[in-house]
Amino acid sequence: MTRPLAAACPSAQPSARGWTLAELLISLALMSMLAAVALPTYQQQQRQARRGDGQAALLQLQMDQARWRSTHDSYANSVSELGWVQGLSPQGHYQITVTDATADGYFAQATGLGSQAADRECAKLGLRWQGGATAVFSAGEHPDSDPASCWRR
């Protein structure tokens, strides 16, 4: 009677392949640390990219206000007067409001909604139109703040 090949030659036995528990835990810990570093950076990049949605809405509002003013004595006091069904930016990341509308100008503001509200520096984008031909861009809580980091053209 012949013996099986595996019993005759110990090196012919299939070796156990796979991860040990320690290797699995180390890999899991490394992936967790990478995710903890990468996720906030990714979210900040998303917020920066979504600023374009608020900027586009304010620029569209500027054109709508110019059209409105050509047939009225003053600028529109609200976005609904301009024909906007909702006061939202095209992608819905910002709430658009109009304040201080007079015959000479107005102030429009885009306020971040949802995750966009976490955009600390630029949660609010502003556009002040004054004197018939001057647009002043702003960002943050104060309408006079420096928009350089939020309004990139």
C-alpha atoms as a PDB file:
ATOM      1  CA  MET A   1       0.000   0.000   0.000  1.00  0.00           C
ATOM      2  CA  THR A   2       1.307   3.416  -0.900  1.00  0.00           C
ATOM      3  CA  ARG A   3       1.204   6.439   1.300  1.00  0.00           C
ATOM      4  CA  PRO A   4      -0.388   9.672   0.069  1.00  0.00           C
ATOM      5  CA  LEU A   5       2.007  12.214  -1.334  1.00  0.00           C
ATOM      6  CA  ALA A   6       1.244  14.767   1.385  1.00  0.00           C
ATOM      7  CA  ALA A   7       2.235  12.358   4.117  1.00  0.00           C
ATOM      8  CA  ALA A   8       5.408  11.358   2.297  1.00  0.00           C
ATOM      9  CA  CYS A   9       6.648  14.915   1.696  1.00  0.00           C
ATOM     10  CA  PRO A  10       5.837  17.499   4.366  1.00  0.00           C
ATOM     11  CA  SER A  11       6.740  20.418   2.056  1.00  0.00           C
ATOM     12  CA  ALA A  12       3.995  19.376  -0.358  1.00  0.00           C
ATOM     13  CA  GLN A  13       1.269  20.330   2.126  1.00  0.00           C
ATOM     14  CA  PRO A  14      -0.566  23.506   1.190  1.00  0.00           C
ATOM     15  CA  SER A  15       0.657  26.407   3.282  1.00  0.00           C
ATOM     16  CA  ALA A  16      -1.910  28.468   5.162  1.00  0.00           C
ATOM     17  CA  ARG A  17      -2.230  31.865   3.497  1.00  0.00           C
ATOM     18  CA  GLY A  18      -4.015  34.848   4.922  1.00  0.00           C
ATOM     19  CA  TRP A  19      -3.687  37.636   7.384  1.00  0.00           C
ATOM     20  CA  THR A  20      -3.014  37.226  11.020  1.00  0.00           C
ATOM     21  CA  LEU A  21      -5.191  39.099  13.460  1.00  0.00           C
ATOM     22  CA  ALA A  22      -2.337  41.478  14.271  1.00  0.00           C
ATOM     23  CA  GLU A  23      -1.784  42.308  10.585  1.00  0.00           C
ATOM     24  CA  LEU A  24      -5.496  42.929  10.118  1.00  0.00           C
ATOM     25  CA  LEU A  25      -5.684  45.264  13.130  1.00  0.00           C
ATOM     26  CA  ILE A  26      -2.608  47.219  12.032  1.00  0.00           C
ATOM     27  CA  SER A  27      -4.068  47.652   8.538  1.00  0.00           C
ATOM     28  CA  LEU A  28      -7.387  48.760   9.992  1.00  0.00           C
ATOM     29  CA  ALA A  29      -5.671  51.287  12.264  1.00  0.00           C
ATOM     30  CA  LEU A  30      -3.663  52.731   9.336  1.00  0.00           C
ATOM     31  CA  MET A  31      -6.771  53.070   7.173  1.00  0.00           C
ATOM     32  CA  SER A  32      -8.616  54.771  10.029  1.00  0.00           C
ATOM     33  CA  MET A  33      -5.831  57.310  10.496  1.00  0.00           C
ATOM     34  CA  LEU A  34      -5.744  58.046   6.758  1.00  0.00           C
ATOM     35  CA  ALA A  35      -9.518  58.523   6.720  1.00  0.00           C
ATOM     36  CA  ALA A  36      -9.351  60.819   9.760  1.00  0.00           C
ATOM     37  CA  VAL A  37      -6.865  63.044   7.940  1.00  0.00           C
ATOM     38  CA  ALA A  38      -8.397  62.874   4.459  1.00  0.00           C
ATOM     39  CA  LEU A  39     -12.099  63.334   5.263  1.00  0.00           C
ATOM     40  CA  PRO A  40     -11.930  66.914   6.640  1.00  0.00           C
ATOM     41  CA  THR A  41      -9.733  67.970   3.734  1.00  0.00           C
ATOM     42  CA  TYR A  42     -12.168  66.436   1.269  1.00  0.00           C
ATOM     43  CA  GLN A  43     -15.123  68.165   2.931  1.00  0.00           C
ATOM     44  CA  GLN A  44     -13.347  71.536   2.810  1.00  0.00           C
ATOM     45  CA  GLN A  45     -12.629  71.068  -0.900  1.00  0.00           C
ATOM     46  CA  GLN A  46     -16.321  70.267  -1.447  1.00  0.00           C
ATOM     47  CA  ARG A  47     -17.355  73.449   0.356  1.00  0.00           C
ATOM     48  CA  GLN A  48     -14.931  75.532  -1.706  1.00  0.00           C
ATOM     49  CA  ALA A  49     -16.258  74.021  -4.925  1.00  0.00           C
ATOM     50  CA  ARG A  50     -19.857  74.679  -3.874  1.00  0.00           C
ATOM     51  CA  ARG A  51     -19.140  78.386  -3.362  1.00  0.00           C
ATOM     52  CA  GLY A  52     -19.488  78.701  -7.116  1.00  0.00           C
ATOM     53  CA  ASP A  53     -23.160  77.806  -6.710  1.00  0.00           C
ATOM     54  CA  GLY A  54     -23.760  80.794  -4.445  1.00  0.00           C
ATOM     55  CA  GLN A  55     -21.677  83.087  -6.631  1.00  0.00           C
ATOM     56  CA  ALA A  56     -23.577  82.039  -9.752  1.00  0.00           C
ATOM     57  CA  ALA A  57     -26.888  82.687  -7.991  1.00  0.00           C
ATOM     58  CA  LEU A  58     -25.813  86.188  -6.938  1.00  0.00           C
ATOM     59  CA  LEU A  59     -24.593  87.036 -10.416  1.00  0.00           C
ATOM     60  CA  GLN A  60     -27.870  85.758 -11.894  1.00  0.00           C
ATOM     61  CA  LEU A  61     -29.724  87.882  -9.359  1.00  0.00           C
ATOM     62  CA  GLN A  62     -27.650  90.879 -10.459  1.00  0.00           C
ATOM     63  CA  MET A  63     -28.810  90.387 -14.052  1.00  0.00           C
ATOM     64  CA  ASP A  64     -32.424  89.892 -12.949  1.00  0.00           C
ATOM     65  CA  GLN A  65     -32.248  93.053 -10.848  1.00  0.00           C
ATOM     66  CA  ALA A  66     -30.923  95.041 -13.844  1.00  0.00           C
ATOM     67  CA  ARG A  67     -33.807  93.747 -15.934  1.00  0.00           C
ATOM     68  CA  TRP A  68     -36.280  94.615 -13.149  1.00  0.00           C
ATOM     69  CA  ARG A  69     -34.849  98.114 -12.677  1.00  0.00           C
ATOM     70  CA  SER A  70     -35.199  98.891 -16.382  1.00  0.00           C
ATOM     71  CA  THR A  71     -38.989  98.811 -15.999  1.00  0.00           C
ATOM     72  CA  HIS A  72     -39.470  99.897 -12.355  1.00  0.00           C
ATOM     73  CA  ASP A  73     -38.621 102.886 -10.166  1.00  0.00           C
ATOM     74  CA  SER A  74     -36.399 100.866  -7.813  1.00  0.00           C
ATOM     75  CA  TYR A  75     -34.741  97.492  -7.459  1.00  0.00           C
ATOM     76  CA  ALA A  76     -36.793  94.476  -6.344  1.00  0.00           C
ATOM     77  CA  ASN A  77     -37.129  93.937  -2.591  1.00  0.00           C
ATOM     78  CA  SER A  78     -37.218  90.137  -2.801  1.00  0.00           C
ATOM     79  CA  VAL A  79     -36.276  87.278  -5.062  1.00  0.00           C
ATOM     80  CA  SER A  80     -39.946  86.384  -5.540  1.00  0.00           C
ATOM     81  CA  GLU A  81     -40.524  89.769  -7.214  1.00  0.00           C
ATOM     82  CA  LEU A  82     -37.826  88.785  -9.701  1.00  0.00           C
ATOM     83  CA  GLY A  83     -39.678  85.589 -10.582  1.00  0.00           C
ATOM     84  CA  TRP A  84     -37.640  83.151  -8.543  1.00  0.00           C
ATOM     85  CA  VAL A  85     -39.956  80.390  -7.343  1.00  0.00           C
ATOM     86  CA  GLN A  86     -37.636  79.552  -4.459  1.00  0.00           C
ATOM     87  CA  GLY A  87     -34.913  81.694  -3.004  1.00  0.00           C
ATOM     88  CA  LEU A  88     -32.332  78.954  -3.579  1.00  0.00           C
ATOM     89  CA  SER A  89     -29.178  78.818  -5.647  1.00  0.00           C
ATOM     90  CA  PRO A  90     -29.294  76.516  -8.716  1.00  0.00           C
ATOM     91  CA  GLN A  91     -27.885  73.509  -6.852  1.00  0.00           C
ATOM     92  CA  GLY A  92     -29.653  74.343  -3.586  1.00  0.00           C
ATOM     93  CA  HIS A  93     -26.568  74.953  -1.447  1.00  0.00           C
ATOM     94  CA  TYR A  94     -27.441  78.597  -0.669  1.00  0.00           C
ATOM     95  CA  GLN A  95     -30.486  80.612   0.381  1.00  0.00           C
ATOM     96  CA  ILE A  96     -30.620  83.905  -1.549  1.00  0.00           C
ATOM     97  CA  THR A  97     -32.072  87.069   0.012  1.00  0.00           C
ATOM     98  CA  VAL A  98     -32.336  90.704  -1.035  1.00  0.00           C
ATOM     99  CA  THR A  99     -32.198  93.556   1.471  1.00  0.00           C
ATOM    100  CA  ASP A 100     -31.791  97.309   1.363  1.00  0.00           C
ATOM    101  CA  ALA A 101     -33.297  97.642  -2.117  1.00  0.00           C
ATOM    102  CA  THR A 102     -33.658 101.281  -3.182  1.00  0.00           C
ATOM    103  CA  ALA A 103     -33.683 103.183  -6.447  1.00  0.00           C
ATOM    104  CA  ASP A 104     -29.859 103.386  -6.315  1.00  0.00           C
ATOM    105  CA  GLY A 105     -28.863  99.888  -5.264  1.00  0.00           C
ATOM    106  CA  TYR A 106     -29.425  96.784  -3.168  1.00  0.00           C
ATOM    107  CA  PHE A 107     -27.648  94.183  -1.074  1.00  0.00           C
ATOM    108  CA  ALA A 108     -28.043  90.486  -1.890  1.00  0.00           C
ATOM    109  CA  GLN A 109     -26.737  87.676   0.265  1.00  0.00           C
ATOM    110  CA  ALA A 110     -26.244  83.954  -0.269  1.00  0.00           C
ATOM    111  CA  THR A 111     -26.326  82.031   3.020  1.00  0.00           C
ATOM    112  CA  GLY A 112     -25.014  78.457   3.084  1.00  0.00           C
ATOM    113  CA  LEU A 113     -27.450  75.628   3.747  1.00  0.00           C
ATOM    114  CA  GLY A 114     -26.802  72.119   5.030  1.00  0.00           C
ATOM    115  CA  SER A 115     -23.140  71.156   4.967  1.00  0.00           C
ATOM    116  CA  GLN A 116     -22.333  74.447   3.232  1.00  0.00           C
ATOM    117  CA  ALA A 117     -23.225  76.288   6.441  1.00  0.00           C
ATOM    118  CA  ALA A 118     -20.056  74.767   7.944  1.00  0.00           C
ATOM    119  CA  ASP A 119     -17.945  76.866   5.561  1.00  0.00           C
ATOM    120  CA  ARG A 120     -16.642  79.193   8.282  1.00  0.00           C
ATOM    121  CA  GLU A 121     -15.034  81.912   6.187  1.00  0.00           C
ATOM    122  CA  CYS A 122     -17.567  81.961   3.384  1.00  0.00           C
ATOM    123  CA  ALA A 123     -20.874  80.715   4.780  1.00  0.00           C
ATOM    124  CA  LYS A 124     -22.334  84.025   3.621  1.00  0.00           C
ATOM    125  CA  LEU A 125     -21.518  85.601   0.275  1.00  0.00           C
ATOM    126  CA  GLY A 126     -22.647  89.141  -0.414  1.00  0.00           C
ATOM    127  CA  LEU A 127     -23.146  91.366  -3.421  1.00  0.00           C
ATOM    128  CA  ARG A 128     -23.836  95.061  -2.986  1.00  0.00           C
ATOM    129  CA  TRP A 129     -24.884  97.012  -6.063  1.00  0.00           C
ATOM    130  CA  GLN A 130     -24.600 100.749  -5.635  1.00  0.00           C
ATOM    131  CA  GLY A 131     -24.649 103.838  -7.755  1.00  0.00           C
ATOM    132  CA  GLY A 132     -25.833 102.123 -10.887  1.00  0.00           C
ATOM    133  CA  ALA A 133     -22.483 100.613 -11.892  1.00  0.00           C
ATOM    134  CA  THR A 134     -20.522  99.427  -8.865  1.00  0.00           C
ATOM    135  CA  ALA A 135     -20.581  95.862  -7.567  1.00  0.00           C
ATOM    136  CA  VAL A 136     -18.995  95.232  -4.166  1.00  0.00           C
ATOM    137  CA  PHE A 137     -18.417  91.599  -3.246  1.00  0.00           C
ATOM    138  CA  SER A 138     -18.206  90.464   0.371  1.00  0.00           C
ATOM    139  CA  ALA A 139     -17.958  87.290   2.399  1.00  0.00           C
ATOM    140  CA  GLY A 140     -18.543  86.276   5.985  1.00  0.00           C
ATOM    141  CA  GLU A 141     -20.696  87.848   8.666  1.00  0.00           C
ATOM    142  CA  HIS A 142     -19.965  91.467   7.778  1.00  0.00           C
ATOM    143  CA  PRO A 143     -20.877  92.978   4.398  1.00  0.00           C
ATOM    144  CA  ASP A 144     -17.608  94.951   4.412  1.00  0.00           C
ATOM    145  CA  SER A 145     -15.354  91.929   4.870  1.00  0.00           C
ATOM    146  CA  ASP A 146     -12.578  90.978   2.486  1.00  0.00           C
ATOM    147  CA  PRO A 147     -13.857  88.598  -0.200  1.00  0.00           C
ATOM    148  CA  ALA A 148     -10.461  87.649  -1.676  1.00  0.00           C
ATOM    149  CA  SER A 149     -10.554  84.046  -0.477  1.00  0.00           C
ATOM    150  CA  CYS A 150     -14.226  83.471  -1.305  1.00  0.00           C
ATOM    151  CA  TRP A 151     -14.797  85.323  -4.581  1.00  0.00           C
ATOM    152  CA  ARG A 152     -12.229  83.980  -6.985  1.00  0.00           C
ATOM    153  CA  ARG A 153     -12.713  85.010 -10.559  1.00  0.00           C
END
